[in-house]
Structure formats: C-alpha cells, structure tokens
C-alpha atoms as a PDB file:
ATOM      1  CA  MET A   1      52.156 -22.655  70.149  1.00  0.00           C
ATOM      2  CA  THR A   2      52.508 -18.979  69.463  1.00  0.00           C
ATOM      3  CA  THR A   3      55.431 -17.462  67.623  1.00  0.00           C
ATOM      4  CA  THR A   4      55.196 -13.949  69.071  1.00  0.00           C
ATOM      5  CA  SER A   5      57.254 -14.607  72.190  1.00  0.00           C
ATOM      6  CA  ARG A   6      59.203 -17.815  72.644  1.00  0.00           C
ATOM      7  CA  LYS A   7      60.251 -16.878  76.203  1.00  0.00           C
ATOM      8  CA  HIS A   8      57.017 -18.101  77.756  1.00  0.00           C
ATOM      9  CA  VAL A   9      56.056 -20.857  75.338  1.00  0.00           C
ATOM     10  CA  LYS A  10      54.735 -23.971  77.025  1.00  0.00           C
ATOM     11  CA  TYR A  11      55.074 -27.247  75.220  1.00  0.00           C
ATOM     12  CA  GLU A  12      52.287 -29.758  75.449  1.00  0.00           C
ATOM     13  CA  ASN A  13      54.445 -32.836  75.825  1.00  0.00           C
ATOM     14  CA  PHE A  14      57.928 -34.304  75.673  1.00  0.00           C
ATOM     15  CA  GLU A  15      57.646 -35.370  72.046  1.00  0.00           C
ATOM     16  CA  GLU A  16      56.615 -31.905  70.855  1.00  0.00           C
ATOM     17  CA  ALA A  17      59.443 -30.279  72.798  1.00  0.00           C
ATOM     18  CA  LEU A  18      61.998 -32.781  71.515  1.00  0.00           C
ATOM     19  CA  LYS A  19      60.897 -32.221  67.921  1.00  0.00           C
ATOM     20  CA  ARG A  20      61.231 -28.450  68.379  1.00  0.00           C
ATOM     21  CA  LEU A  21      64.673 -28.916  69.943  1.00  0.00           C
ATOM     22  CA  GLU A  22      65.808 -31.003  66.967  1.00  0.00           C
ATOM     23  CA  ASN A  23      64.598 -28.249  64.640  1.00  0.00           C
ATOM     24  CA  LEU A  24      66.506 -25.618  66.598  1.00  0.00           C
ATOM     25  CA  ILE A  25      69.682 -27.694  66.471  1.00  0.00           C
ATOM     26  CA  GLN A  26      69.389 -27.971  62.697  1.00  0.00           C
ATOM     27  CA  GLN A  27      68.993 -24.195  62.438  1.00  0.00           C
ATOM     28  CA  LEU A  28      72.066 -23.582  64.593  1.00  0.00           C
ATOM     29  CA  GLU A  29      74.129 -26.148  62.714  1.00  0.00           C
ATOM     30  CA  SER A  30      73.370 -24.447  59.410  1.00  0.00           C
ATOM     31  CA  GLY A  31      75.542 -21.532  60.484  1.00  0.00           C
ATOM     32  CA  ASP A  32      73.434 -19.136  58.408  1.00  0.00           C
ATOM     33  CA  LEU A  33      71.914 -17.190  61.309  1.00  0.00           C
ATOM     34  CA  PRO A  34      72.745 -13.703  62.498  1.00  0.00           C
ATOM     35  CA  LEU A  35      74.333 -13.731  65.956  1.00  0.00           C
ATOM     36  CA  GLU A  36      71.277 -12.294  67.757  1.00  0.00           C
ATOM     37  CA  GLN A  37      68.933 -14.859  66.214  1.00  0.00           C
ATOM     38  CA  ALA A  38      71.361 -17.682  66.982  1.00  0.00           C
ATOM     39  CA  LEU A  39      71.465 -16.537  70.605  1.00  0.00           C
ATOM     40  CA  GLN A  40      67.653 -16.506  70.830  1.00  0.00           C
ATOM     41  CA  ILE A  41      67.482 -19.993  69.353  1.00  0.00           C
ATOM     42  CA  PHE A  42      70.179 -21.187  71.755  1.00  0.00           C
ATOM     43  CA  GLU A  43      68.224 -19.764  74.722  1.00  0.00           C
ATOM     44  CA  GLU A  44      65.029 -21.489  73.599  1.00  0.00           C
ATOM     45  CA  GLY A  45      66.995 -24.703  73.155  1.00  0.00           C
ATOM     46  CA  MET A  46      68.275 -24.478  76.718  1.00  0.00           C
ATOM     47  CA  ARG A  47      64.694 -24.014  77.993  1.00  0.00           C
ATOM     48  CA  LEU A  48      63.655 -27.052  75.983  1.00  0.00           C
ATOM     49  CA  ILE A  49      66.505 -29.111  77.397  1.00  0.00           C
ATOM     50  CA  ARG A  50      65.403 -28.192  80.935  1.00  0.00           C
ATOM     51  CA  PHE A  51      61.784 -29.065  80.074  1.00  0.00           C
ATOM     52  CA  CYS A  52      62.761 -32.436  78.568  1.00  0.00           C
ATOM     53  CA  THR A  53      65.085 -33.244  81.459  1.00  0.00           C
ATOM     54  CA  HIS A  54      62.317 -32.446  83.934  1.00  0.00           C
ATOM     55  CA  LYS A  55      59.894 -34.720  82.069  1.00  0.00           C
ATOM     56  CA  LEU A  56      62.444 -37.553  81.981  1.00  0.00           C
ATOM     57  CA  ASP A  57      63.069 -37.135  85.722  1.00  0.00           C
ATOM     58  CA  GLU A  58      59.311 -37.387  86.356  1.00  0.00           C
ATOM     59  CA  VAL A  59      59.101 -40.602  84.360  1.00  0.00           C
ATOM     60  CA  GLU A  60      62.135 -42.045  86.139  1.00  0.00           C
ATOM     61  CA  LYS A  61      60.474 -41.399  89.518  1.00  0.00           C
ATOM     62  CA  LYS A  62      57.293 -43.118  88.357  1.00  0.00           C
ATOM     63  CA  VAL A  63      59.257 -46.127  87.147  1.00  0.00           C
ATOM     64  CA  GLU A  64      61.081 -46.317  90.483  1.00  0.00           C
ATOM     65  CA  ILE A  65      57.759 -46.359  92.304  1.00  0.00           C
ATOM     66  CA  LEU A  66      56.573 -49.193  90.095  1.00  0.00           C
ATOM     67  CA  LEU A  67      59.725 -51.189  90.784  1.00  0.00           C
ATOM     68  CA  ARG A  68      59.601 -51.069  94.596  1.00  0.00           C
ATOM     69  CA  ASP A  69      58.886 -54.269  96.480  1.00  0.00           C
ATOM     70  CA  GLU A  70      56.445 -54.726  99.359  1.00  0.00           C
ATOM     71  CA  GLU A  71      58.943 -53.253 101.865  1.00  0.00           C
ATOM     72  CA  GLY A  72      59.576 -50.231  99.662  1.00  0.00           C
ATOM     73  CA  ARG A  73      63.015 -51.371  98.524  1.00  0.00           C
ATOM     74  CA  LEU A  74      63.978 -50.575  94.979  1.00  0.00           C
ATOM     75  CA  VAL A  75      64.328 -53.793  93.029  1.00  0.00           C
ATOM     76  CA  THR A  76      65.843 -54.032  89.598  1.00  0.00           C
ATOM     77  CA  GLN A  77      64.213 -56.130  86.970  1.00  0.00           C
ATOM     78  CA  PRO A  78      65.436 -56.595  83.439  1.00  0.00           C
ATOM     79  CA  PHE A  79      63.203 -55.231  80.742  1.00  0.00           C
ATOM     80  CA  VAL A  80      61.877 -58.053  78.651  1.00  0.00           C
ATOM     81  CA  ALA A  81      60.433 -56.974  75.340  1.00  0.00           C
ATOM     82  CA  PRO A  82      57.398 -58.877  74.133  1.00  0.00           C
ATOM     83  CA  ALA A  83      58.402 -61.745  71.865  1.00  0.00           C
ATOM     84  CA  GLU A  84      58.231 -60.872  68.221  1.00  0.00           C
ATOM     85  CA  ASN A  85      56.271 -63.085  65.934  1.00  0.00           C
ATOM     86  CA  THR A  86      58.948 -65.290  64.350  1.00  0.00           C
ATOM     87  CA  GLU A  87      56.654 -67.453  62.268  1.00  0.00           C
ATOM     88  CA  ASP A  88      57.862 -67.942  58.691  1.00  0.00           C
END
C-alpha cells in the first residue's frame, strides 16, 4: 500500500481494510488532528466502509447460494459450531 495518494489505494482484503479503518478511527478519536487532515482521514474511512460493506455483501450472496435447496428456495439452517473438546 502506498502512502503518496490514499484516494486510489486498493486494499488486498477485508481484514487489511478493517484494520486500517480501526486505525483511522483511533486517529480521529484522538482529536489532535488539524481539520484538513481529519477530513482526509474521514474520507478514506468512508471509502473503507464502502469497501468492507461490498465485501460483506459478496460473502452474504455466496452464503445464500450455499443455503438454497434443490428447488432454489432459500432455506435457513442454524449454525452449529463444532463441539469443543470438553475432556478434563
């Protein structure tokens, strides 16, 4: 990721973008930024939110496809986590 121009930065994956977004939030919450820099960080944060939302939408569509029955109807199934080893 380059630091010269954040306007056209492409993030490799959801996790990287989310980590960057968390960092930006911390910077904004500090309140120690000049207005122009805070605005730039806010704009990058909004781009990251759109990127993350898009990625989550993609995953949701994939999950829906996996949960369709033979006739193409969406069926809901509870998520069952693998049993944890409870041996003492």
